[in-house]
Amino acid sequence: MQVTKDDGKTLQYTDNFAMGDGPMQHVTLDGAFDGKPHKMTNGQDMMVTLSDKGYHDQWIVPTGTTGWDNCDYSKHVTVMTCHAGFIPPGATKPVTFTEVWNKTK
């Protein structure tokens, strides 16, 4: 993930990732920390808000999968820990996981 703008109001980033053995995906967001839906380049709606200790988002992709990330920053903002999950269409319970991101720049 490369964040190109984060001024506390506007959020712009590019994310390159793969889910399991799936193909690499490339998505970008040009949005805001306002809790309102902002369309990503893959058609996903992303809603993001800030808290005193991190950020929180909710998202929905065109297939109907919904998800969330509740992320907290370390004291010196060098590590971000996210408790996240998603619910595919027809699922009876969410898939949950924890991500730990180390700041590189």
PDB file of N, CA and C in Angstrom:
ATOM      1  N   MET A   1       0.853  -1.170   0.000  1.00  0.00           N
ATOM      2  CA  MET A   1       0.000   0.000   0.000  1.00  0.00           C
ATOM      3  C   MET A   1       0.895   1.228   0.000  1.00  0.00           C
ATOM      4  N   GLN A   2       0.569   2.170  -0.873  1.00  0.00           N
ATOM      5  CA  GLN A   2       1.287   3.434  -0.911  1.00  0.00           C
ATOM      6  C   GLN A   2       0.274   4.559  -0.739  1.00  0.00           C
ATOM      7  N   VAL A   3       0.407   5.304   0.355  1.00  0.00           N
ATOM      8  CA  VAL A   3      -0.468   6.438   0.631  1.00  0.00           C
ATOM      9  C   VAL A   3       0.155   7.671  -0.004  1.00  0.00           C
ATOM     10  N   THR A   4      -0.584   8.332  -0.880  1.00  0.00           N
ATOM     11  CA  THR A   4      -0.068   9.525  -1.541  1.00  0.00           C
ATOM     12  C   THR A   4      -0.597  10.818  -0.926  1.00  0.00           C
ATOM     13  N   LYS A   5      -1.715  10.717  -0.160  1.00  0.00           N
ATOM     14  CA  LYS A   5      -2.217  11.893   0.550  1.00  0.00           C
ATOM     15  C   LYS A   5      -3.014  11.442   1.768  1.00  0.00           C
ATOM     16  N   ASP A   6      -2.671  12.028   2.892  1.00  0.00           N
ATOM     17  CA  ASP A   6      -3.392  11.792   4.149  1.00  0.00           C
ATOM     18  C   ASP A   6      -3.180  13.033   4.997  1.00  0.00           C
ATOM     19  N   ASP A   7      -4.099  13.973   4.890  1.00  0.00           N
ATOM     20  CA  ASP A   7      -3.982  15.214   5.643  1.00  0.00           C
ATOM     21  C   ASP A   7      -5.018  15.300   6.770  1.00  0.00           C
ATOM     22  N   GLY A   8      -5.619  14.153   7.102  1.00  0.00           N
ATOM     23  CA  GLY A   8      -6.641  14.127   8.140  1.00  0.00           C
ATOM     24  C   GLY A   8      -8.041  14.382   7.606  1.00  0.00           C
ATOM     25  N   LYS A   9      -8.128  14.855   6.369  1.00  0.00           N
ATOM     26  CA  LYS A   9      -9.425  15.076   5.722  1.00  0.00           C
ATOM     27  C   LYS A   9      -9.529  14.248   4.446  1.00  0.00           C
ATOM     28  N   THR A  10      -8.496  14.281   3.629  1.00  0.00           N
ATOM     29  CA  THR A  10      -8.452  13.571   2.355  1.00  0.00           C
ATOM     30  C   THR A  10      -7.558  12.339   2.490  1.00  0.00           C
ATOM     31  N   LEU A  11      -7.972  11.249   1.838  1.00  0.00           N
ATOM     32  CA  LEU A  11      -7.180  10.021   1.830  1.00  0.00           C
ATOM     33  C   LEU A  11      -7.071   9.531   0.402  1.00  0.00           C
ATOM     34  N   GLN A  12      -5.827   9.390  -0.066  1.00  0.00           N
ATOM     35  CA  GLN A  12      -5.562   8.843  -1.393  1.00  0.00           C
ATOM     36  C   GLN A  12      -4.504   7.761  -1.248  1.00  0.00           C
ATOM     37  N   TYR A  13      -4.786   6.588  -1.832  1.00  0.00           N
ATOM     38  CA  TYR A  13      -3.776   5.533  -1.787  1.00  0.00           C
ATOM     39  C   TYR A  13      -3.960   4.554  -2.929  1.00  0.00           C
ATOM     40  N   THR A  14      -2.900   3.779  -3.157  1.00  0.00           N
ATOM     41  CA  THR A  14      -2.894   2.687  -4.114  1.00  0.00           C
ATOM     42  C   THR A  14      -2.550   1.428  -3.338  1.00  0.00           C
ATOM     43  N   ASP A  15      -3.278   0.360  -3.596  1.00  0.00           N
ATOM     44  CA  ASP A  15      -3.063  -0.908  -2.897  1.00  0.00           C
ATOM     45  C   ASP A  15      -2.883  -2.014  -3.927  1.00  0.00           C
ATOM     46  N   ASN A  16      -1.781  -2.744  -3.826  1.00  0.00           N
ATOM     47  CA  ASN A  16      -1.504  -3.895  -4.665  1.00  0.00           C
ATOM     48  C   ASN A  16      -1.488  -5.117  -3.764  1.00  0.00           C
ATOM     49  N   PHE A  17      -2.336  -6.107  -4.041  1.00  0.00           N
ATOM     50  CA  PHE A  17      -2.445  -7.248  -3.146  1.00  0.00           C
ATOM     51  C   PHE A  17      -3.001  -8.458  -3.882  1.00  0.00           C
ATOM     52  N   ALA A  18      -2.837  -9.616  -3.262  1.00  0.00           N
ATOM     53  CA  ALA A  18      -3.443 -10.847  -3.760  1.00  0.00           C
ATOM     54  C   ALA A  18      -4.154 -11.497  -2.584  1.00  0.00           C
ATOM     55  N   MET A  19      -5.284 -12.123  -2.844  1.00  0.00           N
ATOM     56  CA  MET A  19      -6.027 -12.860  -1.834  1.00  0.00           C
ATOM     57  C   MET A  19      -5.725 -14.341  -2.031  1.00  0.00           C
ATOM     58  N   GLY A  20      -4.998 -14.941  -1.092  1.00  0.00           N
ATOM     59  CA  GLY A  20      -4.642 -16.347  -1.215  1.00  0.00           C
ATOM     60  C   GLY A  20      -3.817 -16.576  -2.465  1.00  0.00           C
ATOM     61  N   ASP A  21      -4.215 -17.536  -3.278  1.00  0.00           N
ATOM     62  CA  ASP A  21      -3.513 -17.854  -4.524  1.00  0.00           C
ATOM     63  C   ASP A  21      -4.085 -17.102  -5.716  1.00  0.00           C
ATOM     64  N   GLY A  22      -4.951 -16.147  -5.450  1.00  0.00           N
ATOM     65  CA  GLY A  22      -5.597 -15.402  -6.528  1.00  0.00           C
ATOM     66  C   GLY A  22      -4.647 -14.440  -7.220  1.00  0.00           C
ATOM     67  N   PRO A  23      -5.126 -13.801  -8.272  1.00  0.00           N
ATOM     68  CA  PRO A  23      -4.291 -12.873  -9.040  1.00  0.00           C
ATOM     69  C   PRO A  23      -4.020 -11.581  -8.260  1.00  0.00           C
ATOM     70  N   MET A  24      -2.937 -10.916  -8.635  1.00  0.00           N
ATOM     71  CA  MET A  24      -2.635  -9.606  -8.057  1.00  0.00           C
ATOM     72  C   MET A  24      -3.730  -8.634  -8.455  1.00  0.00           C
ATOM     73  N   GLN A  25      -4.115  -7.807  -7.504  1.00  0.00           N
ATOM     74  CA  GLN A  25      -5.120  -6.780  -7.746  1.00  0.00           C
ATOM     75  C   GLN A  25      -4.482  -5.420  -7.502  1.00  0.00           C
ATOM     76  N   HIS A  26      -4.956  -4.432  -8.196  1.00  0.00           N
ATOM     77  CA  HIS A  26      -4.443  -3.066  -8.097  1.00  0.00           C
ATOM     78  C   HIS A  26      -5.655  -2.147  -7.967  1.00  0.00           C
ATOM     79  N   VAL A  27      -5.784  -1.477  -6.830  1.00  0.00           N
ATOM     80  CA  VAL A  27      -6.908  -0.568  -6.627  1.00  0.00           C
ATOM     81  C   VAL A  27      -6.407   0.757  -6.060  1.00  0.00           C
ATOM     82  N   THR A  28      -7.136   1.812  -6.352  1.00  0.00           N
ATOM     83  CA  THR A  28      -6.812   3.117  -5.791  1.00  0.00           C
ATOM     84  C   THR A  28      -8.070   3.728  -5.181  1.00  0.00           C
ATOM     85  N   LEU A  29      -7.839   4.585  -4.203  1.00  0.00           N
ATOM     86  CA  LEU A  29      -8.916   5.331  -3.556  1.00  0.00           C
ATOM     87  C   LEU A  29      -8.555   6.804  -3.571  1.00  0.00           C
ATOM     88  N   ASP A  30      -9.493   7.628  -3.953  1.00  0.00           N
ATOM     89  CA  ASP A  30      -9.392   9.075  -3.834  1.00  0.00           C
ATOM     90  C   ASP A  30     -10.627   9.470  -3.034  1.00  0.00           C
ATOM     91  N   GLY A  31     -10.472   9.493  -1.710  1.00  0.00           N
ATOM     92  CA  GLY A  31     -11.629   9.676  -0.843  1.00  0.00           C
ATOM     93  C   GLY A  31     -11.377  10.648   0.282  1.00  0.00           C
ATOM     94  N   ALA A  32     -12.139  10.481   1.349  1.00  0.00           N
ATOM     95  CA  ALA A  32     -12.059  11.377   2.496  1.00  0.00           C
ATOM     96  C   ALA A  32     -12.376  10.598   3.768  1.00  0.00           C
ATOM     97  N   PHE A  33     -11.941  11.131   4.895  1.00  0.00           N
ATOM     98  CA  PHE A  33     -12.232  10.552   6.209  1.00  0.00           C
ATOM     99  C   PHE A  33     -13.579  11.075   6.706  1.00  0.00           C
ATOM    100  N   ASP A  34     -14.632  10.826   5.945  1.00  0.00           N
ATOM    101  CA  ASP A  34     -15.928  11.409   6.297  1.00  0.00           C
ATOM    102  C   ASP A  34     -17.013  10.363   6.551  1.00  0.00           C
ATOM    103  N   GLY A  35     -16.654   9.072   6.486  1.00  0.00           N
ATOM    104  CA  GLY A  35     -17.626   8.018   6.738  1.00  0.00           C
ATOM    105  C   GLY A  35     -18.628   7.805   5.614  1.00  0.00           C
ATOM    106  N   LYS A  36     -18.463   8.538   4.514  1.00  0.00           N
ATOM    107  CA  LYS A  36     -19.370   8.417   3.373  1.00  0.00           C
ATOM    108  C   LYS A  36     -18.747   7.502   2.317  1.00  0.00           C
ATOM    109  N   PRO A  37     -19.568   6.846   1.497  1.00  0.00           N
ATOM    110  CA  PRO A  37     -19.019   5.960   0.471  1.00  0.00           C
ATOM    111  C   PRO A  37     -18.234   6.727  -0.592  1.00  0.00           C
ATOM    112  N   HIS A  38     -17.047   6.213  -0.890  1.00  0.00           N
ATOM    113  CA  HIS A  38     -16.212   6.729  -1.979  1.00  0.00           C
ATOM    114  C   HIS A  38     -15.865   5.542  -2.863  1.00  0.00           C
ATOM    115  N   LYS A  39     -16.047   5.696  -4.154  1.00  0.00           N
ATOM    116  CA  LYS A  39     -15.845   4.613  -5.116  1.00  0.00           C
ATOM    117  C   LYS A  39     -14.350   4.410  -5.370  1.00  0.00           C
ATOM    118  N   MET A  40     -13.902   3.142  -5.249  1.00  0.00           N
ATOM    119  CA  MET A  40     -12.532   2.781  -5.585  1.00  0.00           C
ATOM    120  C   MET A  40     -12.489   2.349  -7.052  1.00  0.00           C
ATOM    121  N   THR A  41     -11.294   2.216  -7.605  1.00  0.00           N
ATOM    122  CA  THR A  41     -11.163   1.881  -9.023  1.00  0.00           C
ATOM    123  C   THR A  41     -11.670   0.487  -9.359  1.00  0.00           C
ATOM    124  N   ASN A  42     -11.844  -0.393  -8.382  1.00  0.00           N
ATOM    125  CA  ASN A  42     -12.378  -1.734  -8.651  1.00  0.00           C
ATOM    126  C   ASN A  42     -13.891  -1.804  -8.461  1.00  0.00           C
ATOM    127  N   GLY A  43     -14.545  -0.645  -8.288  1.00  0.00           N
ATOM    128  CA  GLY A  43     -15.987  -0.604  -8.099  1.00  0.00           C
ATOM    129  C   GLY A  43     -16.432  -0.739  -6.658  1.00  0.00           C
ATOM    130  N   GLN A  44     -15.495  -0.964  -5.767  1.00  0.00           N
ATOM    131  CA  GLN A  44     -15.787  -1.107  -4.331  1.00  0.00           C
ATOM    132  C   GLN A  44     -16.120   0.253  -3.732  1.00  0.00           C
ATOM    133  N   ASP A  45     -17.090   0.276  -2.811  1.00  0.00           N
ATOM    134  CA  ASP A  45     -17.375   1.483  -2.031  1.00  0.00           C
ATOM    135  C   ASP A  45     -16.613   1.394  -0.719  1.00  0.00           C
ATOM    136  N   MET A  46     -15.884   2.453  -0.368  1.00  0.00           N
ATOM    137  CA  MET A  46     -15.085   2.497   0.855  1.00  0.00           C
ATOM    138  C   MET A  46     -15.545   3.681   1.693  1.00  0.00           C
ATOM    139  N   MET A  47     -15.828   3.425   2.977  1.00  0.00           N
ATOM    140  CA  MET A  47     -16.223   4.457   3.927  1.00  0.00           C
ATOM    141  C   MET A  47     -15.193   4.469   5.053  1.00  0.00           C
ATOM    142  N   VAL A  48     -14.530   5.607   5.278  1.00  0.00           N
ATOM    143  CA  VAL A  48     -13.425   5.679   6.229  1.00  0.00           C
ATOM    144  C   VAL A  48     -13.655   6.808   7.229  1.00  0.00           C
ATOM    145  N   THR A  49     -13.343   6.529   8.498  1.00  0.00           N
ATOM    146  CA  THR A  49     -13.367   7.553   9.544  1.00  0.00           C
ATOM    147  C   THR A  49     -12.079   7.453  10.354  1.00  0.00           C
ATOM    148  N   LEU A  50     -11.706   8.554  10.989  1.00  0.00           N
ATOM    149  CA  LEU A  50     -10.542   8.600  11.871  1.00  0.00           C
ATOM    150  C   LEU A  50     -10.978   8.564  13.321  1.00  0.00           C
ATOM    151  N   SER A  51     -10.105   8.029  14.174  1.00  0.00           N
ATOM    152  CA  SER A  51     -10.297   8.111  15.619  1.00  0.00           C
ATOM    153  C   SER A  51      -9.020   8.695  16.204  1.00  0.00           C
ATOM    154  N   ASP A  52      -8.975   8.881  17.507  1.00  0.00           N
ATOM    155  CA  ASP A  52      -7.769   9.404  18.152  1.00  0.00           C
ATOM    156  C   ASP A  52      -6.579   8.461  17.995  1.00  0.00           C
ATOM    157  N   LYS A  53      -6.845   7.175  17.848  1.00  0.00           N
ATOM    158  CA  LYS A  53      -5.768   6.186  17.817  1.00  0.00           C
ATOM    159  C   LYS A  53      -5.594   5.477  16.482  1.00  0.00           C
ATOM    160  N   GLY A  54      -6.410   5.793  15.484  1.00  0.00           N
ATOM    161  CA  GLY A  54      -6.284   5.094  14.216  1.00  0.00           C
ATOM    162  C   GLY A  54      -7.405   5.428  13.264  1.00  0.00           C
ATOM    163  N   TYR A  55      -7.751   4.460  12.443  1.00  0.00           N
ATOM    164  CA  TYR A  55      -8.850   4.671  11.504  1.00  0.00           C
ATOM    165  C   TYR A  55      -9.707   3.422  11.421  1.00  0.00           C
ATOM    166  N   HIS A  56     -10.892   3.608  10.875  1.00  0.00           N
ATOM    167  CA  HIS A  56     -11.854   2.522  10.747  1.00  0.00           C
ATOM    168  C   HIS A  56     -12.500   2.639   9.374  1.00  0.00           C
ATOM    169  N   ASP A  57     -12.698   1.503   8.740  1.00  0.00           N
ATOM    170  CA  ASP A  57     -13.381   1.545   7.454  1.00  0.00           C
ATOM    171  C   ASP A  57     -14.382   0.411   7.337  1.00  0.00           C
ATOM    172  N   GLN A  58     -15.298   0.612   6.435  1.00  0.00           N
ATOM    173  CA  GLN A  58     -16.266  -0.404   6.028  1.00  0.00           C
ATOM    174  C   GLN A  58     -16.296  -0.359   4.517  1.00  0.00           C
ATOM    175  N   TRP A  59     -16.500  -1.519   3.899  1.00  0.00           N
ATOM    176  CA  TRP A  59     -16.491  -1.552   2.446  1.00  0.00           C
ATOM    177  C   TRP A  59     -17.449  -2.607   1.923  1.00  0.00           C
ATOM    178  N   ILE A  60     -17.822  -2.419   0.667  1.00  0.00           N
ATOM    179  CA  ILE A  60     -18.668  -3.384  -0.024  1.00  0.00           C
ATOM    180  C   ILE A  60     -18.197  -3.455  -1.475  1.00  0.00           C
ATOM    181  N   VAL A  61     -18.034  -4.661  -1.986  1.00  0.00           N
ATOM    182  CA  VAL A  61     -17.621  -4.846  -3.376  1.00  0.00           C
ATOM    183  C   VAL A  61     -18.846  -5.173  -4.218  1.00  0.00           C
ATOM    184  N   PRO A  62     -18.760  -4.996  -5.535  1.00  0.00           N
ATOM    185  CA  PRO A  62     -19.924  -5.230  -6.392  1.00  0.00           C
ATOM    186  C   PRO A  62     -20.529  -6.641  -6.261  1.00  0.00           C
ATOM    187  N   THR A  63     -19.748  -7.635  -5.850  1.00  0.00           N
ATOM    188  CA  THR A  63     -20.280  -8.996  -5.695  1.00  0.00           C
ATOM    189  C   THR A  63     -21.161  -9.138  -4.462  1.00  0.00           C
ATOM    190  N   GLY A  64     -21.156  -8.114  -3.582  1.00  0.00           N
ATOM    191  CA  GLY A  64     -21.952  -8.166  -2.364  1.00  0.00           C
ATOM    192  C   GLY A  64     -21.157  -8.472  -1.111  1.00  0.00           C
ATOM    193  N   THR A  65     -19.883  -8.826  -1.253  1.00  0.00           N
ATOM    194  CA  THR A  65     -19.046  -9.046  -0.078  1.00  0.00           C
ATOM    195  C   THR A  65     -18.896  -7.739   0.678  1.00  0.00           C
ATOM    196  N   THR A  66     -19.060  -7.784   2.001  1.00  0.00           N
ATOM    197  CA  THR A  66     -18.864  -6.610   2.850  1.00  0.00           C
ATOM    198  C   THR A  66     -17.711  -6.892   3.800  1.00  0.00           C
ATOM    199  N   GLY A  67     -17.081  -5.821   4.274  1.00  0.00           N
ATOM    200  CA  GLY A  67     -15.965  -6.005   5.191  1.00  0.00           C
ATOM    201  C   GLY A  67     -15.672  -4.770   5.996  1.00  0.00           C
ATOM    202  N   TRP A  68     -14.677  -4.893   6.867  1.00  0.00           N
ATOM    203  CA  TRP A  68     -14.305  -3.800   7.758  1.00  0.00           C
ATOM    204  C   TRP A  68     -12.858  -3.968   8.197  1.00  0.00           C
ATOM    205  N   ASP A  69     -12.264  -2.850   8.607  1.00  0.00           N
ATOM    206  CA  ASP A  69     -10.935  -2.794   9.216  1.00  0.00           C
ATOM    207  C   ASP A  69     -11.018  -1.817  10.375  1.00  0.00           C
ATOM    208  N   ASN A  70     -10.623  -2.250  11.546  1.00  0.00           N
ATOM    209  CA  ASN A  70     -10.515  -1.379  12.712  1.00  0.00           C
ATOM    210  C   ASN A  70      -9.035  -1.340  13.072  1.00  0.00           C
ATOM    211  N   CYS A  71      -8.383  -0.231  12.753  1.00  0.00           N
ATOM    212  CA  CYS A  71      -6.935  -0.132  12.836  1.00  0.00           C
ATOM    213  C   CYS A  71      -6.500   0.886  13.887  1.00  0.00           C
ATOM    214  N   ASP A  72      -5.541   0.481  14.697  1.00  0.00           N
ATOM    215  CA  ASP A  72      -4.970   1.349  15.728  1.00  0.00           C
ATOM    216  C   ASP A  72      -3.486   1.522  15.473  1.00  0.00           C
ATOM    217  N   TYR A  73      -2.986   2.754  15.709  1.00  0.00           N
ATOM    218  CA  TYR A  73      -1.570   3.066  15.542  1.00  0.00           C
ATOM    219  C   TYR A  73      -0.837   2.881  16.861  1.00  0.00           C
ATOM    220  N   SER A  74       0.446   2.509  16.767  1.00  0.00           N
ATOM    221  CA  SER A  74       1.285   2.442  17.960  1.00  0.00           C
ATOM    222  C   SER A  74       1.580   3.866  18.444  1.00  0.00           C
ATOM    223  N   LYS A  75       2.158   3.967  19.624  1.00  0.00           N
ATOM    224  CA  LYS A  75       2.413   5.268  20.249  1.00  0.00           C
ATOM    225  C   LYS A  75       3.171   6.220  19.328  1.00  0.00           C
ATOM    226  N   HIS A  76       4.166   5.732  18.618  1.00  0.00           N
ATOM    227  CA  HIS A  76       4.975   6.594  17.747  1.00  0.00           C
ATOM    228  C   HIS A  76       4.598   6.450  16.270  1.00  0.00           C
ATOM    229  N   VAL A  77       3.434   5.872  16.015  1.00  0.00           N
ATOM    230  CA  VAL A  77       2.865   5.700  14.684  1.00  0.00           C
ATOM    231  C   VAL A  77       3.854   4.982  13.747  1.00  0.00           C
ATOM    232  N   THR A  78       4.509   3.956  14.253  1.00  0.00           N
ATOM    233  CA  THR A  78       5.406   3.154  13.430  1.00  0.00           C
ATOM    234  C   THR A  78       4.807   1.792  13.094  1.00  0.00           C
ATOM    235  N   VAL A  79       3.763   1.405  13.831  1.00  0.00           N
ATOM    236  CA  VAL A  79       3.082   0.131  13.590  1.00  0.00           C
ATOM    237  C   VAL A  79       1.583   0.385  13.597  1.00  0.00           C
ATOM    238  N   MET A  80       0.888  -0.254  12.666  1.00  0.00           N
ATOM    239  CA  MET A  80      -0.566  -0.181  12.624  1.00  0.00           C
ATOM    240  C   MET A  80      -1.088  -1.613  12.734  1.00  0.00           C
ATOM    241  N   THR A  81      -1.972  -1.852  13.695  1.00  0.00           N
ATOM    242  CA  THR A  81      -2.566  -3.168  13.886  1.00  0.00           C
ATOM    243  C   THR A  81      -4.050  -3.079  13.552  1.00  0.00           C
ATOM    244  N   CYS A  82      -4.477  -3.942  12.627  1.00  0.00           N
ATOM    245  CA  CYS A  82      -5.861  -3.923  12.169  1.00  0.00           C
ATOM    246  C   CYS A  82      -6.553  -5.239  12.508  1.00  0.00           C
ATOM    247  N   HIS A  83      -7.711  -5.148  13.098  1.00  0.00           N
ATOM    248  CA  HIS A  83      -8.594  -6.292  13.295  1.00  0.00           C
ATOM    249  C   HIS A  83      -9.654  -6.146  12.216  1.00  0.00           C
ATOM    250  N   ALA A  84      -9.699  -7.117  11.323  1.00  0.00           N
ATOM    251  CA  ALA A  84     -10.496  -6.960  10.113  1.00  0.00           C
ATOM    252  C   ALA A  84     -11.313  -8.209   9.832  1.00  0.00           C
ATOM    253  N   GLY A  85     -12.216  -8.064   8.870  1.00  0.00           N
ATOM    254  CA  GLY A  85     -13.011  -9.203   8.471  1.00  0.00           C
ATOM    255  C   GLY A  85     -13.839  -8.897   7.250  1.00  0.00           C
ATOM    256  N   PHE A  86     -14.427  -9.958   6.721  1.00  0.00           N
ATOM    257  CA  PHE A  86     -15.334  -9.792   5.601  1.00  0.00           C
ATOM    258  C   PHE A  86     -16.360 -10.912   5.617  1.00  0.00           C
ATOM    259  N   ILE A  87     -17.467 -10.647   4.961  1.00  0.00           N
ATOM    260  CA  ILE A  87     -18.568 -11.611   4.880  1.00  0.00           C
ATOM    261  C   ILE A  87     -18.941 -11.780   3.409  1.00  0.00           C
ATOM    262  N   PRO A  88     -18.600 -12.924   2.816  1.00  0.00           N
ATOM    263  CA  PRO A  88     -19.001 -13.171   1.431  1.00  0.00           C
ATOM    264  C   PRO A  88     -20.510 -13.409   1.334  1.00  0.00           C
ATOM    265  N   PRO A  89     -21.095 -13.184   0.173  1.00  0.00           N
ATOM    266  CA  PRO A  89     -22.529 -13.454   0.016  1.00  0.00           C
ATOM    267  C   PRO A  89     -22.852 -14.908   0.378  1.00  0.00           C
ATOM    268  N   GLY A  90     -23.907 -15.094   1.149  1.00  0.00           N
ATOM    269  CA  GLY A  90     -24.340 -16.424   1.545  1.00  0.00           C
ATOM    270  C   GLY A  90     -23.614 -17.015   2.738  1.00  0.00           C
ATOM    271  N   ALA A  91     -22.580 -16.338   3.243  1.00  0.00           N
ATOM    272  CA  ALA A  91     -21.827 -16.862   4.387  1.00  0.00           C
ATOM    273  C   ALA A  91     -22.674 -16.761   5.656  1.00  0.00           C
ATOM    274  N   THR A  92     -22.475 -17.693   6.561  1.00  0.00           N
ATOM    275  CA  THR A  92     -23.206 -17.663   7.832  1.00  0.00           C
ATOM    276  C   THR A  92     -22.425 -16.975   8.935  1.00  0.00           C
ATOM    277  N   LYS A  93     -21.107 -16.795   8.741  1.00  0.00           N
ATOM    278  CA  LYS A  93     -20.313 -16.059   9.714  1.00  0.00           C
ATOM    279  C   LYS A  93     -19.135 -15.397   9.001  1.00  0.00           C
ATOM    280  N   PRO A  94     -18.577 -14.338   9.589  1.00  0.00           N
ATOM    281  CA  PRO A  94     -17.495 -13.610   8.922  1.00  0.00           C
ATOM    282  C   PRO A  94     -16.159 -14.361   8.988  1.00  0.00           C
ATOM    283  N   VAL A  95     -15.309 -14.035   8.042  1.00  0.00           N
ATOM    284  CA  VAL A  95     -13.905 -14.435   8.068  1.00  0.00           C
ATOM    285  C   VAL A  95     -13.175 -13.290   8.745  1.00  0.00           C
ATOM    286  N   THR A  96     -12.466 -13.541   9.832  1.00  0.00           N
ATOM    287  CA  THR A  96     -11.779 -12.473  10.556  1.00  0.00           C
ATOM    288  C   THR A  96     -10.280 -12.742  10.594  1.00  0.00           C
ATOM    289  N   PHE A  97      -9.526 -11.683  10.734  1.00  0.00           N
ATOM    290  CA  PHE A  97      -8.066 -11.794  10.770  1.00  0.00           C
ATOM    291  C   PHE A  97      -7.470 -10.540  11.369  1.00  0.00           C
ATOM    292  N   THR A  98      -6.179 -10.610  11.689  1.00  0.00           N
ATOM    293  CA  THR A  98      -5.424  -9.485  12.210  1.00  0.00           C
ATOM    294  C   THR A  98      -4.272  -9.196  11.259  1.00  0.00           C
ATOM    295  N   GLU A  99      -4.086  -7.917  10.937  1.00  0.00           N
ATOM    296  CA  GLU A  99      -2.970  -7.478  10.092  1.00  0.00           C
ATOM    297  C   GLU A  99      -2.085  -6.556  10.927  1.00  0.00           C
ATOM    298  N   VAL A 100      -0.763  -6.692  10.762  1.00  0.00           N
ATOM    299  CA  VAL A 100       0.191  -5.799  11.422  1.00  0.00           C
ATOM    300  C   VAL A 100       1.036  -5.169  10.332  1.00  0.00           C
ATOM    301  N   TRP A 101       0.985  -3.849  10.235  1.00  0.00           N
ATOM    302  CA  TRP A 101       1.706  -3.094   9.215  1.00  0.00           C
ATOM    303  C   TRP A 101       2.818  -2.305   9.881  1.00  0.00           C
ATOM    304  N   ASN A 102       4.046  -2.419   9.354  1.00  0.00           N
ATOM    305  CA  ASN A 102       5.175  -1.635   9.834  1.00  0.00           C
ATOM    306  C   ASN A 102       5.434  -0.484   8.872  1.00  0.00           C
ATOM    307  N   LYS A 103       5.606   0.718   9.404  1.00  0.00           N
ATOM    308  CA  LYS A 103       5.869   1.875   8.565  1.00  0.00           C
ATOM    309  C   LYS A 103       7.275   1.729   7.973  1.00  0.00           C
ATOM    310  N   THR A 104       7.386   1.944   6.664  1.00  0.00           N
ATOM    311  CA  THR A 104       8.680   1.793   5.997  1.00  0.00           C
ATOM    312  C   THR A 104       9.304   3.123   5.601  1.00  0.00           C
ATOM    313  N   LYS A 105       8.549   4.172   5.557  1.00  0.00           N
ATOM    314  CA  LYS A 105       9.093   5.498   5.200  1.00  0.00           C
ATOM    315  C   LYS A 105       8.556   6.532   6.137  1.00  0.00           C
TER     316      LYS A 105
END
